[in-house]
């Protein structure tokens, strides 16, 4: 499982690096925080969809050969998509990459996934209104950050079933392709 996480992190960081190297940034050689956030989100979203559809949904819902569980280690099961996302995020933070990301929701199953700052809460509410990302600057401690929030949708039936049936879920009527929360990407503006 650790090698899968390392491969996922490598894929994310490689995609971001490729974006910068091949000229995905501004014409002057610099990359704006919004461009960086968009690039990071594109890779995160692709990896999240692939894991959810090709691994979780296929193996737990279609072929029914293994289950996914929040107690994956004890039950010898697959990590839930949110757990895979968090595990990758924790590795990125340990590497000191200069940015952070998290999966948050206004209806979290786990309280650690609820918004903690006004920008996160405002962003989660904003992405419910449309499919546009939300961008803001915020100061946390003594550091300024560019914060981006992108809609996170239920991309497979496995997402809907898990959230609607979980005993701790505050919302139990999610539908396929409905916005369930948001991906929050935070980039430091101060050096």
N, C-alpha and C. Protein backbone atom coordinates (compact mmCIF):
# COMPACT_ATOMS: atom_id res chain seq x y z
N UNK A 1 0.83 -1.19 0.00
CA UNK A 1 0.00 0.00 0.00
C UNK A 1 0.87 1.25 0.00
N UNK A 2 2.00 1.19 0.73
CA UNK A 2 2.89 2.35 0.80
C UNK A 2 3.45 2.68 -0.58
N UNK A 3 3.76 1.65 -1.38
CA UNK A 3 4.29 1.90 -2.72
C UNK A 3 3.23 2.54 -3.62
N UNK A 4 1.96 2.19 -3.42
CA UNK A 4 0.88 2.82 -4.19
C UNK A 4 0.80 4.31 -3.84
N UNK A 5 0.90 4.62 -2.54
CA UNK A 5 0.86 6.02 -2.11
C UNK A 5 2.04 6.80 -2.67
N UNK A 6 3.22 6.21 -2.61
CA UNK A 6 4.42 6.89 -3.12
C UNK A 6 4.28 7.12 -4.63
N UNK A 7 3.74 6.14 -5.35
CA UNK A 7 3.55 6.30 -6.78
C UNK A 7 2.56 7.41 -7.07
N UNK A 8 1.49 7.49 -6.28
CA UNK A 8 0.49 8.54 -6.46
C UNK A 8 1.10 9.92 -6.22
N UNK A 9 1.87 10.06 -5.15
CA UNK A 9 2.52 11.34 -4.85
C UNK A 9 3.51 11.70 -5.97
N UNK A 10 4.28 10.71 -6.41
CA UNK A 10 5.22 10.96 -7.51
C UNK A 10 4.51 11.42 -8.77
N UNK A 11 3.37 10.80 -9.05
CA UNK A 11 2.59 11.17 -10.22
C UNK A 11 2.09 12.61 -10.12
N UNK A 12 1.58 12.98 -8.94
CA UNK A 12 1.08 14.34 -8.71
C UNK A 12 2.21 15.35 -8.88
N UNK A 13 3.31 15.12 -8.18
CA UNK A 13 4.43 16.07 -8.23
C UNK A 13 5.05 16.11 -9.63
N UNK A 14 5.12 14.97 -10.29
CA UNK A 14 5.64 14.93 -11.66
C UNK A 14 4.77 15.72 -12.62
N UNK A 15 3.46 15.58 -12.46
CA UNK A 15 2.54 16.34 -13.32
C UNK A 15 2.66 17.83 -13.11
N UNK A 16 2.81 18.23 -11.87
CA UNK A 16 2.96 19.66 -11.56
C UNK A 16 4.28 20.17 -12.13
N UNK A 17 5.36 19.41 -11.94
CA UNK A 17 6.66 19.83 -12.46
C UNK A 17 6.62 19.94 -13.98
N UNK A 18 5.99 18.97 -14.64
CA UNK A 18 5.88 19.02 -16.09
C UNK A 18 5.14 20.27 -16.54
N UNK A 19 4.09 20.63 -15.84
CA UNK A 19 3.32 21.83 -16.16
C UNK A 19 4.23 23.05 -16.17
N UNK A 20 5.09 23.16 -15.16
CA UNK A 20 5.97 24.32 -15.06
C UNK A 20 7.07 24.28 -16.11
N UNK A 21 7.65 23.11 -16.35
CA UNK A 21 8.79 22.99 -17.26
C UNK A 21 8.38 23.23 -18.70
N UNK A 22 7.24 22.72 -19.13
CA UNK A 22 6.85 22.85 -20.53
C UNK A 22 6.09 24.14 -20.83
N UNK A 23 6.12 25.08 -19.91
CA UNK A 23 5.58 26.40 -20.22
C UNK A 23 4.13 26.58 -19.86
N UNK A 24 3.63 25.90 -18.87
CA UNK A 24 2.25 26.07 -18.47
C UNK A 24 2.02 27.37 -17.73
N UNK A 25 3.06 28.05 -17.38
CA UNK A 25 2.94 29.28 -16.60
C UNK A 25 2.76 30.49 -17.48
N UNK A 26 3.00 31.63 -16.93
CA UNK A 26 2.84 32.88 -17.65
C UNK A 26 3.98 33.04 -18.64
N UNK A 27 3.80 33.93 -19.62
CA UNK A 27 4.80 34.17 -20.65
C UNK A 27 6.12 34.67 -20.08
N UNK A 28 6.12 35.34 -18.94
CA UNK A 28 7.33 35.90 -18.36
C UNK A 28 8.13 34.90 -17.56
N UNK A 29 7.77 33.63 -17.60
CA UNK A 29 8.53 32.62 -16.88
C UNK A 29 8.00 32.34 -15.50
N UNK A 30 7.21 33.25 -14.94
CA UNK A 30 6.65 33.02 -13.62
C UNK A 30 5.30 32.33 -13.72
N UNK A 31 4.92 31.71 -12.65
CA UNK A 31 3.63 31.03 -12.59
C UNK A 31 2.82 31.68 -11.48
N UNK A 32 1.61 32.07 -11.78
CA UNK A 32 0.77 32.68 -10.77
C UNK A 32 0.28 31.61 -9.79
N UNK A 33 -0.08 32.01 -8.58
CA UNK A 33 -0.64 31.02 -7.64
C UNK A 33 -1.88 30.33 -8.20
N UNK A 34 -2.70 31.07 -8.93
CA UNK A 34 -3.91 30.47 -9.52
C UNK A 34 -3.54 29.39 -10.54
N UNK A 35 -2.53 29.66 -11.37
CA UNK A 35 -2.09 28.66 -12.36
C UNK A 35 -1.53 27.42 -11.66
N UNK A 36 -0.76 27.64 -10.61
CA UNK A 36 -0.21 26.49 -9.89
C UNK A 36 -1.34 25.68 -9.25
N UNK A 37 -2.29 26.36 -8.60
CA UNK A 37 -3.41 25.67 -7.98
C UNK A 37 -4.21 24.88 -9.02
N UNK A 38 -4.45 25.49 -10.17
CA UNK A 38 -5.19 24.81 -11.23
C UNK A 38 -4.44 23.56 -11.72
N UNK A 39 -3.11 23.67 -11.85
CA UNK A 39 -2.32 22.53 -12.30
C UNK A 39 -2.35 21.41 -11.27
N UNK A 40 -2.13 21.76 -10.01
CA UNK A 40 -2.16 20.77 -8.94
C UNK A 40 -3.53 20.10 -8.90
N UNK A 41 -4.59 20.90 -8.99
CA UNK A 41 -5.94 20.34 -8.93
C UNK A 41 -6.21 19.39 -10.09
N UNK A 42 -5.76 19.74 -11.27
CA UNK A 42 -5.99 18.88 -12.44
C UNK A 42 -5.42 17.48 -12.20
N UNK A 43 -4.22 17.41 -11.66
CA UNK A 43 -3.59 16.11 -11.39
C UNK A 43 -4.30 15.40 -10.25
N UNK A 44 -4.60 16.12 -9.17
CA UNK A 44 -5.30 15.50 -8.03
C UNK A 44 -6.65 14.94 -8.45
N UNK A 45 -7.39 15.73 -9.23
CA UNK A 45 -8.72 15.31 -9.66
C UNK A 45 -8.63 14.06 -10.54
N UNK A 46 -7.66 14.04 -11.46
CA UNK A 46 -7.50 12.88 -12.33
C UNK A 46 -7.17 11.63 -11.51
N UNK A 47 -6.23 11.76 -10.58
CA UNK A 47 -5.85 10.61 -9.76
C UNK A 47 -7.02 10.14 -8.90
N UNK A 48 -7.77 11.08 -8.37
CA UNK A 48 -8.91 10.74 -7.50
C UNK A 48 -9.99 9.99 -8.30
N UNK A 49 -10.27 10.46 -9.49
CA UNK A 49 -11.26 9.81 -10.34
C UNK A 49 -10.80 8.41 -10.73
N UNK A 50 -9.54 8.28 -11.13
CA UNK A 50 -9.02 6.96 -11.52
C UNK A 50 -9.10 5.99 -10.35
N UNK A 51 -8.65 6.40 -9.16
CA UNK A 51 -8.69 5.50 -8.00
C UNK A 51 -10.13 5.11 -7.67
N UNK A 52 -11.03 6.09 -7.69
CA UNK A 52 -12.42 5.83 -7.32
C UNK A 52 -13.11 4.93 -8.33
N UNK A 53 -12.95 5.23 -9.62
CA UNK A 53 -13.66 4.47 -10.65
C UNK A 53 -13.01 3.13 -10.97
N UNK A 54 -11.69 3.14 -11.15
CA UNK A 54 -11.00 1.94 -11.64
C UNK A 54 -10.61 0.96 -10.52
N UNK A 55 -10.50 1.46 -9.30
CA UNK A 55 -10.13 0.57 -8.19
C UNK A 55 -11.34 0.34 -7.28
N UNK A 56 -11.79 1.39 -6.62
CA UNK A 56 -12.85 1.23 -5.62
C UNK A 56 -14.16 0.75 -6.24
N UNK A 57 -14.68 1.49 -7.20
CA UNK A 57 -15.98 1.11 -7.77
C UNK A 57 -15.92 -0.27 -8.43
N UNK A 58 -14.86 -0.51 -9.21
CA UNK A 58 -14.76 -1.80 -9.91
C UNK A 58 -14.65 -2.96 -8.93
N UNK A 59 -13.76 -2.84 -7.94
CA UNK A 59 -13.51 -3.98 -7.06
C UNK A 59 -14.56 -4.16 -5.96
N UNK A 60 -15.19 -3.06 -5.53
CA UNK A 60 -16.18 -3.19 -4.43
C UNK A 60 -17.62 -3.26 -4.92
N UNK A 61 -17.95 -2.57 -5.99
CA UNK A 61 -19.34 -2.51 -6.44
C UNK A 61 -19.62 -3.46 -7.61
N UNK A 62 -18.69 -3.51 -8.58
CA UNK A 62 -18.95 -4.32 -9.78
C UNK A 62 -18.53 -5.78 -9.58
N UNK A 63 -17.24 -6.00 -9.24
CA UNK A 63 -16.73 -7.36 -9.11
C UNK A 63 -16.89 -7.93 -7.70
N UNK A 64 -17.07 -7.04 -6.73
CA UNK A 64 -17.28 -7.44 -5.33
C UNK A 64 -16.22 -8.44 -4.83
N UNK A 65 -14.94 -8.14 -5.11
CA UNK A 65 -13.87 -9.05 -4.69
C UNK A 65 -13.18 -8.60 -3.40
N UNK A 66 -13.34 -7.34 -3.03
CA UNK A 66 -12.75 -6.81 -1.81
C UNK A 66 -13.57 -5.60 -1.41
N UNK A 67 -13.53 -5.25 -0.15
CA UNK A 67 -14.26 -4.06 0.26
C UNK A 67 -13.29 -2.92 0.56
N UNK A 68 -13.82 -1.73 0.59
CA UNK A 68 -13.08 -0.55 1.03
C UNK A 68 -13.64 -0.19 2.40
N UNK A 69 -12.76 0.20 3.30
CA UNK A 69 -13.22 0.45 4.66
C UNK A 69 -12.38 1.53 5.32
N UNK A 70 -13.03 2.31 6.20
CA UNK A 70 -12.27 3.29 6.97
C UNK A 70 -11.33 2.59 7.94
N UNK A 71 -11.57 1.32 8.21
CA UNK A 71 -10.70 0.50 9.05
C UNK A 71 -9.91 -0.47 8.17
N UNK A 72 -9.41 0.04 7.07
CA UNK A 72 -8.79 -0.76 6.02
C UNK A 72 -7.65 -1.64 6.51
N UNK A 73 -6.85 -1.15 7.42
CA UNK A 73 -5.70 -1.92 7.88
C UNK A 73 -6.16 -3.15 8.68
N UNK A 74 -7.05 -2.93 9.64
CA UNK A 74 -7.54 -4.03 10.47
C UNK A 74 -8.36 -5.05 9.66
N UNK A 75 -9.08 -4.53 8.68
CA UNK A 75 -9.99 -5.40 7.91
C UNK A 75 -9.38 -5.93 6.61
N UNK A 76 -8.09 -5.61 6.38
CA UNK A 76 -7.42 -6.02 5.14
C UNK A 76 -8.26 -5.62 3.92
N UNK A 77 -8.60 -4.34 3.90
CA UNK A 77 -9.45 -3.80 2.84
C UNK A 77 -8.71 -2.67 2.12
N UNK A 78 -9.37 -2.08 1.16
CA UNK A 78 -8.82 -0.92 0.44
C UNK A 78 -9.09 0.36 1.22
N UNK A 79 -8.18 1.33 1.08
CA UNK A 79 -8.44 2.65 1.63
C UNK A 79 -9.63 3.26 0.91
N UNK A 80 -10.45 3.99 1.62
CA UNK A 80 -11.50 4.76 0.98
C UNK A 80 -10.85 5.87 0.16
N UNK A 81 -11.51 6.37 -0.87
CA UNK A 81 -10.91 7.44 -1.69
C UNK A 81 -10.47 8.66 -0.86
N UNK A 82 -11.25 9.05 0.13
CA UNK A 82 -10.86 10.19 0.97
C UNK A 82 -9.61 9.88 1.78
N UNK A 83 -9.46 8.62 2.21
CA UNK A 83 -8.27 8.23 2.95
C UNK A 83 -7.04 8.21 2.05
N UNK A 84 -7.20 7.76 0.82
CA UNK A 84 -6.10 7.76 -0.14
C UNK A 84 -5.66 9.20 -0.41
N UNK A 85 -6.63 10.09 -0.55
CA UNK A 85 -6.35 11.50 -0.80
C UNK A 85 -5.58 12.09 0.38
N UNK A 86 -6.04 11.83 1.59
CA UNK A 86 -5.37 12.34 2.80
C UNK A 86 -3.95 11.78 2.93
N UNK A 87 -3.79 10.49 2.65
CA UNK A 87 -2.47 9.87 2.75
C UNK A 87 -1.48 10.53 1.79
N UNK A 88 -1.92 10.81 0.58
CA UNK A 88 -1.07 11.52 -0.38
C UNK A 88 -0.74 12.91 0.10
N UNK A 89 -1.72 13.60 0.65
CA UNK A 89 -1.53 14.95 1.17
C UNK A 89 -0.50 14.97 2.29
N UNK A 90 -0.57 13.99 3.17
CA UNK A 90 0.38 13.92 4.28
C UNK A 90 1.80 13.71 3.79
N UNK A 91 1.98 12.90 2.75
CA UNK A 91 3.32 12.68 2.19
C UNK A 91 3.83 13.96 1.54
N UNK A 92 2.97 14.67 0.82
CA UNK A 92 3.37 15.94 0.20
C UNK A 92 3.81 16.93 1.27
N UNK A 93 3.08 17.01 2.37
CA UNK A 93 3.45 17.92 3.47
C UNK A 93 4.80 17.54 4.06
N UNK A 94 5.04 16.25 4.27
CA UNK A 94 6.32 15.80 4.84
C UNK A 94 7.49 16.15 3.92
N UNK A 95 7.25 16.15 2.62
CA UNK A 95 8.30 16.46 1.67
C UNK A 95 8.61 17.95 1.61
N UNK A 96 7.76 18.78 2.25
CA UNK A 96 8.00 20.22 2.26
C UNK A 96 7.90 20.85 0.88
N UNK A 97 6.90 20.44 0.13
CA UNK A 97 6.75 20.90 -1.25
C UNK A 97 6.33 22.36 -1.38
N UNK A 98 5.91 22.99 -0.29
CA UNK A 98 5.53 24.40 -0.36
C UNK A 98 4.05 24.63 -0.55
N UNK A 99 3.27 23.59 -0.70
CA UNK A 99 1.82 23.76 -0.80
C UNK A 99 1.15 22.63 -0.04
N UNK A 100 -0.13 22.82 0.28
CA UNK A 100 -0.89 21.77 0.95
C UNK A 100 -2.22 21.59 0.23
N UNK A 101 -2.80 20.44 0.44
CA UNK A 101 -4.15 20.22 -0.09
C UNK A 101 -4.92 19.32 0.85
N UNK A 102 -6.25 19.48 0.80
CA UNK A 102 -7.12 18.69 1.67
C UNK A 102 -8.47 18.52 1.00
N UNK A 103 -9.18 17.51 1.42
CA UNK A 103 -10.55 17.26 0.97
C UNK A 103 -11.46 17.61 2.13
N UNK A 104 -12.28 18.66 1.95
CA UNK A 104 -13.15 19.14 3.02
C UNK A 104 -14.60 19.11 2.57
N UNK A 105 -15.51 19.21 3.54
CA UNK A 105 -16.93 19.18 3.21
C UNK A 105 -17.73 19.94 4.26
N UNK A 106 -18.87 20.45 3.83
CA UNK A 106 -19.82 21.05 4.77
C UNK A 106 -20.60 19.95 5.50
N UNK A 107 -20.51 18.71 4.98
CA UNK A 107 -21.18 17.55 5.59
C UNK A 107 -20.16 16.43 5.81
N UNK A 108 -19.12 16.68 6.60
CA UNK A 108 -18.08 15.66 6.74
C UNK A 108 -18.52 14.49 7.62
N UNK A 109 -18.10 13.31 7.24
CA UNK A 109 -18.30 12.14 8.08
C UNK A 109 -17.36 12.24 9.27
N UNK A 110 -16.17 12.74 9.02
CA UNK A 110 -15.15 12.91 10.05
C UNK A 110 -14.93 14.41 10.28
N UNK A 111 -15.03 14.86 11.52
CA UNK A 111 -14.92 16.29 11.83
C UNK A 111 -13.61 16.92 11.38
N UNK A 112 -12.55 16.13 11.23
CA UNK A 112 -11.29 16.72 10.78
C UNK A 112 -11.38 17.20 9.33
N UNK A 113 -12.46 16.84 8.63
CA UNK A 113 -12.64 17.24 7.23
C UNK A 113 -13.65 18.38 7.05
N UNK A 114 -13.94 19.10 8.13
CA UNK A 114 -14.83 20.25 8.01
C UNK A 114 -13.99 21.51 7.81
N UNK A 115 -14.58 22.58 7.28
CA UNK A 115 -13.81 23.81 7.08
C UNK A 115 -13.34 24.39 8.42
N UNK A 116 -12.11 24.92 8.40
CA UNK A 116 -11.54 25.47 9.63
C UNK A 116 -11.29 26.97 9.55
N UNK A 117 -11.32 27.52 8.35
CA UNK A 117 -11.09 28.95 8.18
C UNK A 117 -12.28 29.56 7.44
N UNK A 118 -12.48 30.87 7.56
CA UNK A 118 -13.56 31.52 6.81
C UNK A 118 -13.42 31.31 5.30
N UNK A 119 -12.20 31.33 4.77
CA UNK A 119 -12.01 31.14 3.32
C UNK A 119 -12.43 29.74 2.91
N UNK A 120 -12.12 28.73 3.72
CA UNK A 120 -12.53 27.37 3.39
C UNK A 120 -14.06 27.24 3.38
N UNK A 121 -14.69 27.80 4.39
CA UNK A 121 -16.16 27.72 4.45
C UNK A 121 -16.81 28.49 3.30
N UNK A 122 -16.32 29.69 3.04
CA UNK A 122 -16.86 30.49 1.93
C UNK A 122 -16.64 29.77 0.60
N UNK A 123 -15.46 29.18 0.45
CA UNK A 123 -15.16 28.46 -0.79
C UNK A 123 -16.03 27.24 -0.99
N UNK A 124 -16.27 26.47 0.07
CA UNK A 124 -17.13 25.29 -0.04
C UNK A 124 -18.56 25.68 -0.41
N UNK A 125 -19.03 26.79 0.15
CA UNK A 125 -20.38 27.26 -0.19
C UNK A 125 -20.42 27.77 -1.64
N UNK A 126 -19.36 28.44 -2.06
CA UNK A 126 -19.31 29.00 -3.43
C UNK A 126 -19.30 27.91 -4.49
N UNK A 127 -18.56 26.81 -4.27
CA UNK A 127 -18.50 25.79 -5.32
C UNK A 127 -19.81 25.02 -5.44
N UNK A 128 -20.67 25.12 -4.43
CA UNK A 128 -22.00 24.50 -4.55
C UNK A 128 -22.87 25.23 -5.56
N UNK A 129 -22.58 26.52 -5.76
CA UNK A 129 -23.41 27.36 -6.63
C UNK A 129 -23.11 27.15 -8.11
N UNK A 130 -21.96 26.64 -8.42
CA UNK A 130 -21.60 26.44 -9.82
C UNK A 130 -20.33 25.62 -9.90
N UNK A 131 -19.86 25.42 -11.11
CA UNK A 131 -18.69 24.57 -11.28
C UNK A 131 -17.40 25.39 -11.37
N UNK A 132 -17.43 26.63 -10.90
CA UNK A 132 -16.24 27.46 -10.93
C UNK A 132 -15.49 27.33 -9.62
N UNK A 133 -14.15 27.31 -9.69
CA UNK A 133 -13.38 27.29 -8.45
C UNK A 133 -13.49 28.62 -7.72
N UNK A 134 -13.19 28.58 -6.45
CA UNK A 134 -13.20 29.76 -5.59
C UNK A 134 -11.75 30.08 -5.23
N UNK A 135 -11.38 31.35 -5.31
CA UNK A 135 -10.02 31.78 -4.98
C UNK A 135 -10.07 32.89 -3.95
N UNK A 136 -9.14 32.85 -2.99
CA UNK A 136 -9.06 33.89 -1.96
C UNK A 136 -7.62 33.95 -1.44
N UNK A 137 -7.31 35.06 -0.80
CA UNK A 137 -6.06 35.16 -0.04
C UNK A 137 -6.45 35.18 1.42
N UNK A 138 -5.64 34.51 2.23
CA UNK A 138 -5.91 34.51 3.67
C UNK A 138 -4.58 34.53 4.43
N UNK A 139 -4.64 35.01 5.64
CA UNK A 139 -3.47 35.03 6.51
C UNK A 139 -3.71 34.05 7.64
N UNK A 140 -2.80 33.11 7.79
CA UNK A 140 -2.86 32.11 8.86
C UNK A 140 -1.58 32.25 9.65
N UNK A 141 -1.72 32.54 10.92
CA UNK A 141 -0.54 32.87 11.71
C UNK A 141 0.00 34.19 11.17
N UNK A 142 1.23 34.18 10.75
CA UNK A 142 1.83 35.40 10.18
C UNK A 142 2.12 35.22 8.70
N UNK A 143 1.59 34.15 8.07
CA UNK A 143 1.86 33.88 6.65
C UNK A 143 0.62 34.12 5.81
N UNK A 144 0.86 34.68 4.62
CA UNK A 144 -0.22 34.88 3.65
C UNK A 144 -0.26 33.69 2.69
N UNK A 145 -1.48 33.29 2.35
CA UNK A 145 -1.68 32.15 1.46
C UNK A 145 -2.68 32.48 0.36
N UNK A 146 -2.46 31.87 -0.79
CA UNK A 146 -3.46 31.83 -1.85
C UNK A 146 -4.22 30.53 -1.61
N UNK A 147 -5.53 30.61 -1.44
CA UNK A 147 -6.35 29.43 -1.18
C UNK A 147 -7.34 29.24 -2.32
N UNK A 148 -7.35 28.05 -2.86
CA UNK A 148 -8.26 27.70 -3.95
C UNK A 148 -9.15 26.55 -3.49
N UNK A 149 -10.42 26.61 -3.84
CA UNK A 149 -11.36 25.53 -3.51
C UNK A 149 -12.03 25.09 -4.81
N UNK A 150 -12.01 23.80 -5.05
CA UNK A 150 -12.60 23.20 -6.26
C UNK A 150 -13.67 22.21 -5.84
N UNK A 151 -14.75 22.15 -6.58
CA UNK A 151 -15.83 21.21 -6.28
C UNK A 151 -15.33 19.77 -6.35
N UNK A 152 -15.78 18.95 -5.41
CA UNK A 152 -15.48 17.53 -5.42
C UNK A 152 -16.81 16.79 -5.54
N UNK A 153 -16.96 16.04 -6.63
CA UNK A 153 -18.24 15.39 -6.93
C UNK A 153 -18.19 13.89 -6.65
N UNK A 154 -19.35 13.33 -6.44
CA UNK A 154 -19.51 11.88 -6.32
C UNK A 154 -19.36 11.30 -7.73
N UNK A 155 -18.16 10.82 -8.05
CA UNK A 155 -17.88 10.37 -9.42
C UNK A 155 -18.27 8.92 -9.67
N UNK A 156 -18.60 8.18 -8.62
CA UNK A 156 -19.03 6.79 -8.82
C UNK A 156 -20.10 6.43 -7.80
N UNK A 157 -20.77 5.35 -8.07
CA UNK A 157 -21.81 4.88 -7.16
C UNK A 157 -21.22 4.53 -5.79
N UNK A 158 -19.95 4.12 -5.76
CA UNK A 158 -19.31 3.78 -4.49
C UNK A 158 -19.29 4.98 -3.54
N UNK A 159 -19.08 6.19 -4.07
CA UNK A 159 -19.08 7.41 -3.24
C UNK A 159 -20.46 7.61 -2.60
N UNK A 160 -21.48 7.50 -3.43
CA UNK A 160 -22.85 7.72 -2.99
C UNK A 160 -23.25 6.69 -1.93
N UNK A 161 -22.99 5.42 -2.21
CA UNK A 161 -23.37 4.35 -1.28
C UNK A 161 -22.68 4.52 0.07
N UNK A 162 -21.37 4.79 0.04
CA UNK A 162 -20.61 4.92 1.28
C UNK A 162 -21.12 6.09 2.12
N UNK A 163 -21.26 7.25 1.52
CA UNK A 163 -21.69 8.43 2.27
C UNK A 163 -23.13 8.33 2.74
N UNK A 164 -24.00 7.83 1.89
CA UNK A 164 -25.42 7.74 2.28
C UNK A 164 -25.68 6.68 3.35
N UNK A 165 -24.82 5.67 3.42
CA UNK A 165 -25.04 4.58 4.38
C UNK A 165 -24.19 4.67 5.63
N UNK A 166 -23.27 5.64 5.69
CA UNK A 166 -22.37 5.73 6.85
C UNK A 166 -23.13 6.25 8.07
N UNK A 167 -22.93 5.61 9.21
CA UNK A 167 -23.65 5.97 10.44
C UNK A 167 -23.37 7.39 10.91
N UNK A 168 -22.21 7.96 10.56
CA UNK A 168 -21.84 9.30 11.00
C UNK A 168 -22.08 10.38 9.94
N UNK A 169 -22.67 10.01 8.82
CA UNK A 169 -22.87 10.98 7.74
C UNK A 169 -24.02 11.93 8.06
N UNK A 170 -23.76 13.24 8.06
CA UNK A 170 -24.82 14.20 8.34
C UNK A 170 -25.77 14.41 7.15
N UNK A 171 -25.38 13.91 5.99
CA UNK A 171 -26.22 14.03 4.78
C UNK A 171 -26.29 12.65 4.15
N UNK A 172 -27.50 12.16 3.93
CA UNK A 172 -27.65 10.78 3.45
C UNK A 172 -28.47 10.69 2.16
N UNK A 173 -28.47 11.76 1.39
CA UNK A 173 -29.24 11.72 0.14
C UNK A 173 -28.41 12.19 -1.06
N UNK A 174 -27.09 11.90 -1.02
CA UNK A 174 -26.23 12.26 -2.14
C UNK A 174 -26.63 11.47 -3.38
N UNK A 175 -26.41 12.07 -4.54
CA UNK A 175 -26.65 11.41 -5.82
C UNK A 175 -25.39 11.44 -6.65
N UNK A 176 -25.30 10.56 -7.62
CA UNK A 176 -24.16 10.50 -8.52
C UNK A 176 -23.92 11.87 -9.17
N UNK A 177 -22.69 12.30 -9.22
CA UNK A 177 -22.24 13.57 -9.80
C UNK A 177 -22.62 14.80 -8.98
N UNK A 178 -23.17 14.61 -7.81
CA UNK A 178 -23.49 15.73 -6.93
C UNK A 178 -22.22 16.20 -6.22
N UNK A 179 -22.13 17.48 -5.93
CA UNK A 179 -21.00 18.03 -5.19
C UNK A 179 -21.12 17.59 -3.73
N UNK A 180 -20.05 16.94 -3.25
CA UNK A 180 -20.04 16.42 -1.88
C UNK A 180 -19.15 17.26 -0.97
N UNK A 181 -18.30 18.06 -1.56
CA UNK A 181 -17.35 18.86 -0.79
C UNK A 181 -16.43 19.59 -1.73
N UNK A 182 -15.20 19.80 -1.27
CA UNK A 182 -14.26 20.53 -2.11
C UNK A 182 -12.81 20.15 -1.82
N UNK A 183 -11.99 20.31 -2.84
CA UNK A 183 -10.56 20.15 -2.71
C UNK A 183 -10.00 21.54 -2.44
N UNK A 184 -9.32 21.69 -1.29
CA UNK A 184 -8.73 22.97 -0.89
C UNK A 184 -7.23 22.88 -1.11
N UNK A 185 -6.71 23.79 -1.93
CA UNK A 185 -5.27 23.87 -2.19
C UNK A 185 -4.79 25.20 -1.65
N UNK A 186 -3.74 25.14 -0.85
CA UNK A 186 -3.21 26.36 -0.21
C UNK A 186 -1.74 26.52 -0.60
N UNK A 187 -1.43 27.70 -1.16
CA UNK A 187 -0.07 28.00 -1.63
C UNK A 187 0.44 29.23 -0.88
N UNK A 188 1.62 29.13 -0.24
CA UNK A 188 2.15 30.29 0.49
C UNK A 188 2.52 31.42 -0.46
N UNK A 189 2.19 32.64 -0.10
CA UNK A 189 2.52 33.81 -0.90
C UNK A 189 3.79 34.50 -0.40
N UNK A 190 4.13 34.27 0.86
CA UNK A 190 5.33 34.87 1.44
C UNK A 190 6.46 33.86 1.31
N UNK A 191 7.68 34.38 1.07
CA UNK A 191 8.81 33.46 0.94
C UNK A 191 9.42 33.13 2.27
